[in-house]
Amino acid sequence: MIDKPLRTSPANRPVHPVFRPCHHTSVREFELRHLSIQPRERAPQRWQPWRALQRGFTLIELMVVLVIIGVLAALIVPNVLDRADDARVTAAKTDVNNLMQALKLYRLDNQRYPTGEQGLNALVAKPTTGPVPPNWRPYLDKLPADPWSRPYQYLNPGLKGEVDVLSLGADGQPGGENRDADVGSWQ
């Protein structure tokens, strides 16, 4: 008698000659239950980055990230804002020193500082009110505004020196503390 080859299933596995699968049982299930056939082991899967990206985040993970960002912002933002105020104060000190140097050159050329009436404009344009300086020349191209966009104050006679140049600080009022403090030539 000639052995007939075993029939094969759609998965190309031999079908048991006695087994007649019914509509709810697959060949695979039959083999696993009755023939002690072990399932094939799967090859180890590689890490696939696109699958990790498709997973998404849970609500808890998102909330933790938002809390961390909030804490970092609360710590960093005040320091950054203080740096801007410090930079303005430093710029005001530099401008005051430059104005004082120009006033000293004016005094060397004209034997006196500009009067309070002539003000700092005497460094840019020749004064027309008395006393008119005999050896005037331009000492600055233009007058700078302070970092808070207000003009620098000039006092002759000065309160702290022969003449004073000052910025009234962030608040624009005399006196003040911290960033509102006046920045003057006496500092």
N, C-alpha and C. Protein backbone atom coordinates (compact mmCIF):
# COMPACT_ATOMS: atom_id res chain seq x y z
N MET A 1 0.85 -1.16 0.00
CA MET A 1 0.00 0.00 0.00
C MET A 1 0.89 1.22 0.00
N ILE A 2 0.51 2.18 -0.77
CA ILE A 2 1.31 3.40 -0.91
C ILE A 2 0.82 4.41 0.11
N ASP A 3 1.79 4.97 0.84
CA ASP A 3 1.42 6.00 1.81
C ASP A 3 1.10 7.29 1.07
N LYS A 4 -0.03 7.80 1.42
CA LYS A 4 -0.40 9.09 0.84
C LYS A 4 0.24 10.19 1.66
N PRO A 5 0.67 11.23 1.00
CA PRO A 5 1.20 12.35 1.80
C PRO A 5 0.09 12.97 2.63
N LEU A 6 0.48 13.49 3.78
CA LEU A 6 -0.51 14.14 4.65
C LEU A 6 -1.00 15.43 4.01
N ARG A 7 -2.24 15.67 4.24
CA ARG A 7 -2.76 16.95 3.76
C ARG A 7 -2.13 18.08 4.56
N THR A 8 -2.10 19.26 3.96
CA THR A 8 -1.51 20.40 4.68
C THR A 8 -2.56 21.46 4.92
N SER A 9 -2.35 22.20 5.98
CA SER A 9 -3.26 23.29 6.33
C SER A 9 -2.83 24.56 5.60
N PRO A 10 -3.61 25.60 5.70
CA PRO A 10 -3.21 26.85 5.05
C PRO A 10 -1.88 27.37 5.56
N ALA A 11 -1.48 27.03 6.78
CA ALA A 11 -0.19 27.47 7.31
C ALA A 11 0.91 26.52 6.87
N ASN A 12 0.60 25.60 5.93
CA ASN A 12 1.55 24.64 5.38
C ASN A 12 2.04 23.65 6.44
N ARG A 13 1.14 23.22 7.33
CA ARG A 13 1.46 22.22 8.33
C ARG A 13 0.67 20.96 8.00
N PRO A 14 1.25 19.83 8.30
CA PRO A 14 0.47 18.61 8.02
C PRO A 14 -0.76 18.53 8.90
N VAL A 15 -1.84 18.11 8.32
CA VAL A 15 -3.08 17.96 9.07
C VAL A 15 -3.18 16.51 9.52
N HIS A 16 -3.54 16.29 10.76
CA HIS A 16 -3.65 14.93 11.29
C HIS A 16 -4.76 14.20 10.53
N PRO A 17 -4.49 12.93 10.13
CA PRO A 17 -5.47 12.24 9.28
C PRO A 17 -6.80 11.97 9.98
N VAL A 18 -6.79 11.86 11.29
CA VAL A 18 -8.02 11.55 12.00
C VAL A 18 -8.76 12.83 12.37
N PHE A 19 -8.01 13.88 12.53
CA PHE A 19 -8.60 15.14 13.01
C PHE A 19 -9.41 15.80 11.92
N ARG A 20 -10.59 16.10 12.25
CA ARG A 20 -11.44 16.86 11.35
C ARG A 20 -11.80 18.14 12.10
N PRO A 21 -11.10 19.22 11.79
CA PRO A 21 -11.37 20.43 12.57
C PRO A 21 -12.78 20.92 12.36
N CYS A 22 -13.38 21.35 13.42
CA CYS A 22 -14.70 21.95 13.30
C CYS A 22 -14.54 23.46 13.11
N HIS A 23 -15.60 24.11 13.01
CA HIS A 23 -15.55 25.53 12.65
C HIS A 23 -14.87 26.40 13.72
N HIS A 24 -14.79 25.96 14.97
CA HIS A 24 -14.19 26.81 16.01
C HIS A 24 -12.84 26.31 16.49
N THR A 25 -12.31 25.28 15.93
CA THR A 25 -11.02 24.77 16.34
C THR A 25 -10.06 24.83 15.17
N SER A 26 -8.90 25.37 15.42
CA SER A 26 -7.90 25.45 14.36
C SER A 26 -6.94 24.28 14.48
N VAL A 27 -6.22 24.02 13.43
CA VAL A 27 -5.21 22.97 13.43
C VAL A 27 -4.19 23.26 14.52
N ARG A 28 -3.83 24.48 14.63
CA ARG A 28 -2.82 24.86 15.63
C ARG A 28 -3.30 24.52 17.03
N GLU A 29 -4.56 24.84 17.34
CA GLU A 29 -5.09 24.53 18.66
C GLU A 29 -5.10 23.02 18.91
N PHE A 30 -5.49 22.26 17.89
CA PHE A 30 -5.50 20.80 18.02
C PHE A 30 -4.10 20.27 18.30
N GLU A 31 -3.12 20.74 17.53
CA GLU A 31 -1.75 20.27 17.72
C GLU A 31 -1.24 20.60 19.12
N LEU A 32 -1.56 21.76 19.59
CA LEU A 32 -1.09 22.16 20.92
C LEU A 32 -1.74 21.32 22.02
N ARG A 33 -3.02 20.99 21.86
CA ARG A 33 -3.71 20.25 22.90
C ARG A 33 -3.43 18.74 22.87
N HIS A 34 -3.43 18.15 21.70
CA HIS A 34 -3.44 16.69 21.61
C HIS A 34 -2.13 16.07 21.16
N LEU A 35 -1.31 16.78 20.46
CA LEU A 35 -0.12 16.16 19.90
C LEU A 35 1.16 16.59 20.60
N SER A 36 1.05 17.38 21.64
CA SER A 36 2.21 17.86 22.41
C SER A 36 3.25 18.54 21.52
N ILE A 37 2.79 19.25 20.54
CA ILE A 37 3.72 20.01 19.71
C ILE A 37 3.95 21.36 20.39
N GLN A 38 5.19 21.67 20.59
CA GLN A 38 5.54 22.92 21.26
C GLN A 38 5.49 24.08 20.25
N PRO A 39 5.02 25.20 20.66
CA PRO A 39 5.00 26.34 19.73
C PRO A 39 6.43 26.80 19.44
N ARG A 40 6.59 27.32 18.25
CA ARG A 40 7.91 27.84 17.89
C ARG A 40 8.22 29.08 18.72
N GLU A 41 9.48 29.19 19.09
CA GLU A 41 9.89 30.38 19.84
C GLU A 41 10.07 31.53 18.87
N ARG A 42 9.66 32.68 19.31
CA ARG A 42 9.82 33.86 18.47
C ARG A 42 11.24 34.38 18.58
N ALA A 43 11.71 34.92 17.49
CA ALA A 43 13.03 35.55 17.50
C ALA A 43 12.95 36.80 18.37
N PRO A 44 14.00 37.10 19.11
CA PRO A 44 13.96 38.31 19.94
C PRO A 44 13.75 39.54 19.07
N GLN A 45 12.86 40.42 19.55
CA GLN A 45 12.55 41.62 18.75
C GLN A 45 13.57 42.70 19.03
N ARG A 46 13.92 43.37 17.97
CA ARG A 46 14.82 44.52 18.11
C ARG A 46 14.04 45.70 18.66
N TRP A 47 14.79 46.64 19.23
CA TRP A 47 14.15 47.88 19.68
C TRP A 47 13.76 48.69 18.47
N GLN A 48 12.53 49.07 18.41
CA GLN A 48 12.03 49.81 17.27
C GLN A 48 11.57 51.18 17.75
N PRO A 49 12.33 52.22 17.45
CA PRO A 49 12.03 53.54 18.01
C PRO A 49 10.66 54.07 17.63
N TRP A 50 10.17 53.74 16.44
CA TRP A 50 8.87 54.27 16.06
C TRP A 50 7.76 53.69 16.91
N ARG A 51 7.95 52.46 17.42
CA ARG A 51 6.94 51.90 18.31
C ARG A 51 6.93 52.63 19.65
N ALA A 52 8.11 53.00 20.13
CA ALA A 52 8.18 53.74 21.39
C ALA A 52 7.50 55.09 21.25
N LEU A 53 7.62 55.71 20.09
CA LEU A 53 6.99 57.01 19.88
C LEU A 53 5.47 56.88 19.74
N GLN A 54 5.01 55.76 19.26
CA GLN A 54 3.58 55.57 19.07
C GLN A 54 2.86 55.29 20.38
N ARG A 55 3.61 54.89 21.40
CA ARG A 55 2.99 54.54 22.67
C ARG A 55 2.32 55.73 23.33
N GLY A 56 2.98 56.92 23.32
CA GLY A 56 2.43 58.10 23.97
C GLY A 56 2.76 58.15 25.45
N PHE A 57 2.19 59.14 26.12
CA PHE A 57 2.44 59.35 27.54
C PHE A 57 1.13 59.25 28.31
N THR A 58 1.23 58.86 29.56
CA THR A 58 0.05 58.84 30.41
C THR A 58 -0.17 60.23 30.97
N LEU A 59 -1.34 60.45 31.49
CA LEU A 59 -1.67 61.75 32.07
C LEU A 59 -0.75 62.07 33.24
N ILE A 60 -0.42 61.09 34.05
CA ILE A 60 0.47 61.31 35.19
C ILE A 60 1.85 61.77 34.71
N GLU A 61 2.37 61.12 33.68
CA GLU A 61 3.69 61.51 33.15
C GLU A 61 3.66 62.95 32.65
N LEU A 62 2.60 63.32 31.96
CA LEU A 62 2.49 64.70 31.47
C LEU A 62 2.41 65.70 32.63
N MET A 63 1.66 65.35 33.67
CA MET A 63 1.53 66.25 34.82
C MET A 63 2.87 66.41 35.53
N VAL A 64 3.64 65.33 35.66
CA VAL A 64 4.95 65.41 36.31
C VAL A 64 5.87 66.33 35.51
N VAL A 65 5.86 66.19 34.20
CA VAL A 65 6.70 67.05 33.35
C VAL A 65 6.29 68.51 33.50
N LEU A 66 4.99 68.79 33.52
CA LEU A 66 4.52 70.17 33.68
C LEU A 66 4.93 70.75 35.04
N VAL A 67 4.85 69.96 36.08
CA VAL A 67 5.27 70.43 37.41
C VAL A 67 6.76 70.74 37.41
N ILE A 68 7.57 69.88 36.81
CA ILE A 68 9.02 70.13 36.76
C ILE A 68 9.32 71.40 35.98
N ILE A 69 8.65 71.61 34.85
CA ILE A 69 8.86 72.83 34.07
C ILE A 69 8.44 74.05 34.88
N GLY A 70 7.34 73.95 35.61
CA GLY A 70 6.89 75.07 36.44
C GLY A 70 7.88 75.42 37.53
N VAL A 71 8.43 74.41 38.18
CA VAL A 71 9.42 74.66 39.24
C VAL A 71 10.67 75.31 38.66
N LEU A 72 11.15 74.79 37.54
CA LEU A 72 12.34 75.39 36.91
C LEU A 72 12.08 76.83 36.49
N ALA A 73 10.91 77.10 35.95
CA ALA A 73 10.58 78.47 35.54
C ALA A 73 10.53 79.39 36.76
N ALA A 74 9.97 78.90 37.86
CA ALA A 74 9.89 79.72 39.07
C ALA A 74 11.27 80.04 39.63
N LEU A 75 12.23 79.16 39.43
CA LEU A 75 13.58 79.40 39.93
C LEU A 75 14.40 80.27 38.98
N ILE A 76 14.20 80.14 37.68
CA ILE A 76 15.05 80.81 36.71
C ILE A 76 14.56 82.20 36.35
N VAL A 77 13.27 82.40 36.19
CA VAL A 77 12.74 83.68 35.70
C VAL A 77 13.13 84.85 36.60
N PRO A 78 13.02 84.77 37.93
CA PRO A 78 13.44 85.93 38.74
C PRO A 78 14.91 86.27 38.56
N ASN A 79 15.77 85.27 38.40
CA ASN A 79 17.20 85.54 38.20
C ASN A 79 17.44 86.25 36.87
N VAL A 80 16.72 85.85 35.85
CA VAL A 80 16.88 86.48 34.54
C VAL A 80 16.38 87.92 34.59
N LEU A 81 15.26 88.16 35.27
CA LEU A 81 14.74 89.52 35.37
C LEU A 81 15.69 90.41 36.18
N ASP A 82 16.29 89.87 37.23
CA ASP A 82 17.25 90.65 38.01
C ASP A 82 18.46 91.01 37.17
N ARG A 83 18.87 90.14 36.29
CA ARG A 83 20.02 90.42 35.42
C ARG A 83 19.73 91.61 34.52
N ALA A 84 18.52 91.73 34.02
CA ALA A 84 18.17 92.86 33.16
C ALA A 84 18.26 94.16 33.96
N ASP A 85 17.78 94.16 35.20
CA ASP A 85 17.87 95.36 36.04
C ASP A 85 19.32 95.70 36.34
N ASP A 86 20.14 94.69 36.64
CA ASP A 86 21.56 94.93 36.90
C ASP A 86 22.24 95.51 35.67
N ALA A 87 21.88 95.02 34.49
CA ALA A 87 22.47 95.53 33.25
C ALA A 87 22.10 97.00 33.04
N ARG A 88 20.87 97.38 33.36
CA ARG A 88 20.46 98.78 33.21
C ARG A 88 21.24 99.69 34.16
N VAL A 89 21.41 99.23 35.40
CA VAL A 89 22.17 100.03 36.37
C VAL A 89 23.62 100.19 35.90
N THR A 90 24.21 99.11 35.40
CA THR A 90 25.59 99.17 34.90
C THR A 90 25.69 100.12 33.71
N ALA A 91 24.71 100.07 32.81
CA ALA A 91 24.71 100.98 31.65
C ALA A 91 24.59 102.43 32.11
N ALA A 92 23.76 102.68 33.12
CA ALA A 92 23.61 104.05 33.64
C ALA A 92 24.92 104.54 34.25
N LYS A 93 25.61 103.68 35.00
CA LYS A 93 26.90 104.07 35.59
C LYS A 93 27.91 104.41 34.50
N THR A 94 27.93 103.61 33.43
CA THR A 94 28.86 103.87 32.32
C THR A 94 28.54 105.20 31.65
N ASP A 95 27.25 105.46 31.40
CA ASP A 95 26.86 106.73 30.78
C ASP A 95 27.23 107.92 31.66
N VAL A 96 26.99 107.80 32.97
CA VAL A 96 27.32 108.89 33.89
C VAL A 96 28.82 109.15 33.87
N ASN A 97 29.63 108.09 33.87
CA ASN A 97 31.09 108.28 33.81
C ASN A 97 31.51 108.95 32.51
N ASN A 98 30.91 108.56 31.38
CA ASN A 98 31.23 109.19 30.10
C ASN A 98 30.84 110.67 30.09
N LEU A 99 29.68 110.98 30.66
CA LEU A 99 29.26 112.38 30.74
C LEU A 99 30.20 113.19 31.63
N MET A 100 30.64 112.59 32.73
CA MET A 100 31.59 113.30 33.61
C MET A 100 32.92 113.55 32.91
N GLN A 101 33.39 112.59 32.12
CA GLN A 101 34.63 112.79 31.36
C GLN A 101 34.48 113.92 30.36
N ALA A 102 33.33 113.98 29.67
CA ALA A 102 33.09 115.07 28.72
C ALA A 102 33.02 116.41 29.45
N LEU A 103 32.41 116.44 30.65
CA LEU A 103 32.35 117.68 31.43
C LEU A 103 33.75 118.13 31.87
N LYS A 104 34.60 117.18 32.22
CA LYS A 104 35.97 117.54 32.61
C LYS A 104 36.75 118.11 31.43
N LEU A 105 36.55 117.56 30.23
CA LEU A 105 37.19 118.14 29.03
C LEU A 105 36.66 119.55 28.76
N TYR A 106 35.36 119.74 28.93
CA TYR A 106 34.75 121.06 28.77
C TYR A 106 35.41 122.05 29.73
N ARG A 107 35.58 121.62 30.96
CA ARG A 107 36.20 122.50 31.97
C ARG A 107 37.66 122.81 31.62
N LEU A 108 38.41 121.81 31.13
CA LEU A 108 39.80 122.07 30.73
C LEU A 108 39.89 123.12 29.62
N ASP A 109 38.97 123.04 28.66
CA ASP A 109 38.99 123.98 27.53
C ASP A 109 38.46 125.36 27.92
N ASN A 110 37.49 125.43 28.82
CA ASN A 110 36.78 126.68 29.08
C ASN A 110 36.91 127.20 30.52
N GLN A 111 37.72 126.58 31.34
CA GLN A 111 38.01 126.96 32.72
C GLN A 111 36.78 126.95 33.64
N ARG A 112 35.72 126.36 33.23
CA ARG A 112 34.53 126.24 34.08
C ARG A 112 33.60 125.17 33.51
N TYR A 113 32.74 124.67 34.38
CA TYR A 113 31.72 123.72 33.93
C TYR A 113 30.56 124.51 33.32
N PRO A 114 29.72 123.86 32.51
CA PRO A 114 28.51 124.55 32.04
C PRO A 114 27.63 124.93 33.23
N THR A 115 26.91 126.01 33.09
CA THR A 115 26.00 126.43 34.16
C THR A 115 24.82 125.46 34.22
N GLY A 116 24.06 125.55 35.30
CA GLY A 116 22.86 124.72 35.43
C GLY A 116 21.87 125.02 34.33
N GLU A 117 21.81 126.30 33.89
CA GLU A 117 20.90 126.69 32.82
C GLU A 117 21.35 126.10 31.47
N GLN A 118 22.66 126.11 31.22
CA GLN A 118 23.18 125.54 29.97
C GLN A 118 23.03 124.02 29.96
N GLY A 119 23.21 123.40 31.09
CA GLY A 119 23.00 121.97 31.24
C GLY A 119 23.94 121.12 30.39
N LEU A 120 23.56 119.87 30.23
CA LEU A 120 24.37 118.92 29.47
C LEU A 120 24.34 119.21 27.97
N ASN A 121 23.39 120.02 27.51
CA ASN A 121 23.34 120.38 26.08
C ASN A 121 24.59 121.14 25.67
N ALA A 122 25.30 121.76 26.62
CA ALA A 122 26.53 122.50 26.31
C ALA A 122 27.62 121.55 25.81
N LEU A 123 27.46 120.25 26.02
CA LEU A 123 28.44 119.28 25.53
C LEU A 123 28.21 118.93 24.05
N VAL A 124 27.01 119.25 23.54
CA VAL A 124 26.65 118.89 22.17
C VAL A 124 26.60 120.13 21.26
N ALA A 125 26.05 121.23 21.78
CA ALA A 125 25.91 122.46 20.99
C ALA A 125 26.48 123.63 21.79
N LYS A 126 27.06 124.59 21.10
CA LYS A 126 27.67 125.74 21.78
C LYS A 126 26.58 126.54 22.50
N PRO A 127 26.79 126.81 23.78
CA PRO A 127 25.79 127.56 24.53
C PRO A 127 25.63 128.98 23.98
N THR A 128 24.39 129.46 24.00
CA THR A 128 24.11 130.83 23.56
C THR A 128 23.86 131.75 24.74
N THR A 129 23.63 131.17 25.92
CA THR A 129 23.43 131.99 27.12
C THR A 129 24.75 132.11 27.84
N GLY A 130 24.88 133.19 28.61
CA GLY A 130 26.15 133.47 29.26
C GLY A 130 26.43 132.57 30.43
N PRO A 131 27.64 132.42 30.77
CA PRO A 131 28.81 132.87 30.01
C PRO A 131 29.08 131.96 28.81
N VAL A 132 29.28 132.57 27.65
CA VAL A 132 29.56 131.82 26.43
C VAL A 132 31.01 131.34 26.49
N PRO A 133 31.25 130.04 26.31
CA PRO A 133 32.62 129.52 26.44
C PRO A 133 33.50 129.95 25.26
N PRO A 134 34.72 130.42 25.53
CA PRO A 134 35.57 130.93 24.45
C PRO A 134 36.18 129.83 23.58
N ASN A 135 36.46 128.68 24.14
CA ASN A 135 37.14 127.62 23.39
C ASN A 135 36.25 126.39 23.21
N TRP A 136 34.98 126.63 22.98
CA TRP A 136 34.04 125.51 22.90
C TRP A 136 34.31 124.66 21.66
N ARG A 137 34.11 123.39 21.81
CA ARG A 137 34.11 122.43 20.71
C ARG A 137 33.11 121.33 21.08
N PRO A 138 32.65 120.52 20.14
CA PRO A 138 31.70 119.46 20.52
C PRO A 138 32.40 118.38 21.35
N TYR A 139 31.79 118.03 22.45
CA TYR A 139 32.37 117.03 23.35
C TYR A 139 31.65 115.68 23.24
N LEU A 140 30.44 115.71 22.74
CA LEU A 140 29.66 114.49 22.49
C LEU A 140 28.90 114.66 21.17
N ASP A 141 28.66 113.57 20.48
CA ASP A 141 27.84 113.63 19.26
C ASP A 141 26.37 113.89 19.61
N LYS A 142 25.90 113.22 20.64
CA LYS A 142 24.53 113.43 21.12
C LYS A 142 24.46 113.03 22.58
N LEU A 143 23.46 113.54 23.25
CA LEU A 143 23.26 113.21 24.67
C LEU A 143 22.53 111.87 24.77
N PRO A 144 23.06 110.96 25.58
CA PRO A 144 22.35 109.69 25.75
C PRO A 144 21.17 109.85 26.71
N ALA A 145 20.17 109.02 26.53
CA ALA A 145 19.09 108.91 27.51
C ALA A 145 19.49 107.80 28.48
N ASP A 146 18.96 107.85 29.70
CA ASP A 146 19.30 106.78 30.63
C ASP A 146 18.62 105.48 30.19
N PRO A 147 18.98 104.35 30.76
CA PRO A 147 18.41 103.06 30.32
C PRO A 147 16.90 102.96 30.50
N TRP A 148 16.30 103.87 31.23
CA TRP A 148 14.86 103.89 31.42
C TRP A 148 14.22 104.96 30.53
N SER A 149 14.97 105.43 29.51
CA SER A 149 14.50 106.38 28.48
C SER A 149 14.15 107.75 29.03
N ARG A 150 14.86 108.19 30.04
CA ARG A 150 14.69 109.55 30.57
C ARG A 150 16.02 110.28 30.47
N PRO A 151 16.00 111.62 30.39
CA PRO A 151 17.27 112.35 30.29
C PRO A 151 18.04 112.31 31.61
N TYR A 152 19.36 112.37 31.51
CA TYR A 152 20.20 112.46 32.70
C TYR A 152 20.06 113.85 33.30
N GLN A 153 20.15 113.92 34.62
CA GLN A 153 20.04 115.19 35.35
C GLN A 153 21.44 115.78 35.54
N TYR A 154 21.53 117.12 35.43
CA TYR A 154 22.81 117.83 35.63
C TYR A 154 22.57 118.90 36.68
N LEU A 155 23.41 118.89 37.71
CA LEU A 155 23.29 119.89 38.78
C LEU A 155 24.60 120.65 38.90
N ASN A 156 24.53 121.98 38.78
CA ASN A 156 25.69 122.85 39.01
C ASN A 156 25.18 124.05 39.79
N PRO A 157 25.52 124.17 41.04
CA PRO A 157 26.44 123.38 41.84
C PRO A 157 25.81 122.05 42.22
N GLY A 158 26.65 121.06 42.39
CA GLY A 158 26.19 119.72 42.72
C GLY A 158 25.92 119.56 44.21
N LEU A 159 25.16 118.54 44.56
CA LEU A 159 24.87 118.23 45.96
C LEU A 159 25.99 117.42 46.60
N LYS A 160 26.68 116.60 45.82
CA LYS A 160 27.71 115.72 46.36
C LYS A 160 29.10 116.07 45.83
N GLY A 161 29.20 116.93 44.85
CA GLY A 161 30.48 117.32 44.27
C GLY A 161 30.34 118.70 43.64
N GLU A 162 31.38 119.12 42.92
CA GLU A 162 31.31 120.43 42.27
C GLU A 162 30.15 120.47 41.27
N VAL A 163 30.02 119.40 40.49
CA VAL A 163 28.85 119.20 39.62
C VAL A 163 28.41 117.75 39.80
N ASP A 164 27.14 117.50 39.56
CA ASP A 164 26.61 116.13 39.65
C ASP A 164 25.86 115.79 38.37
N VAL A 165 26.05 114.56 37.92
CA VAL A 165 25.26 113.99 36.83
C VAL A 165 24.60 112.75 37.40
N LEU A 166 23.30 112.60 37.19
CA LEU A 166 22.62 111.45 37.77
C LEU A 166 21.44 110.99 36.95
N SER A 167 21.10 109.74 37.15
CA SER A 167 19.87 109.14 36.63
C SER A 167 19.00 108.85 37.84
N LEU A 168 17.71 109.04 37.70
CA LEU A 168 16.81 108.84 38.83
C LEU A 168 16.40 107.38 39.02
N GLY A 169 16.98 106.47 38.28
CA GLY A 169 16.69 105.05 38.46
C GLY A 169 15.42 104.62 37.77
N ALA A 170 14.98 103.41 38.08
CA ALA A 170 13.84 102.81 37.39
C ALA A 170 12.54 103.54 37.67
N ASP A 171 12.38 104.08 38.88
CA ASP A 171 11.11 104.73 39.22
C ASP A 171 11.03 106.18 38.77
N GLY A 172 12.16 106.79 38.39
CA GLY A 172 12.15 108.18 37.93
C GLY A 172 11.96 109.19 39.05
N GLN A 173 12.08 108.76 40.30
CA GLN A 173 11.92 109.64 41.46
C GLN A 173 13.23 109.73 42.21
N PRO A 174 13.52 110.87 42.85
CA PRO A 174 14.75 110.97 43.64
C PRO A 174 14.76 109.95 44.78
N GLY A 175 15.95 109.44 45.09
CA GLY A 175 16.09 108.44 46.16
C GLY A 175 15.74 107.06 45.64
N GLY A 176 15.28 106.23 46.53
CA GLY A 176 14.88 104.87 46.15
C GLY A 176 15.91 103.84 46.57
N GLU A 177 15.51 102.59 46.49
CA GLU A 177 16.38 101.48 46.86
C GLU A 177 16.42 100.46 45.74
N ASN A 178 17.47 99.65 45.75
CA ASN A 178 17.68 98.59 44.76
C ASN A 178 17.65 99.14 43.35
N ARG A 179 16.73 98.64 42.50
CA ARG A 179 16.73 99.10 41.11
C ARG A 179 16.15 100.50 40.98
N ASP A 180 15.45 100.99 41.98
CA ASP A 180 14.90 102.35 41.95
C ASP A 180 15.90 103.39 42.45
N ALA A 181 17.05 102.97 42.94
CA ALA A 181 18.04 103.89 43.51
C ALA A 181 18.63 104.78 42.41
N ASP A 182 18.97 106.01 42.78
CA ASP A 182 19.61 106.93 41.85
C ASP A 182 21.01 106.44 41.52
N VAL A 183 21.43 106.68 40.28
CA VAL A 183 22.79 106.36 39.84
C VAL A 183 23.45 107.69 39.54
N GLY A 184 24.49 108.04 40.34
CA GLY A 184 25.09 109.36 40.19
C GLY A 184 26.59 109.33 40.02
N SER A 185 27.14 110.50 39.71
CA SER A 185 28.58 110.63 39.48
C SER A 185 29.38 110.47 40.76
N TRP A 186 28.77 110.52 41.91
CA TRP A 186 29.47 110.38 43.18
C TRP A 186 29.71 108.92 43.54
N GLN A 187 29.15 107.99 42.81
CA GLN A 187 29.28 106.56 43.15
C GLN A 187 30.54 105.98 42.56
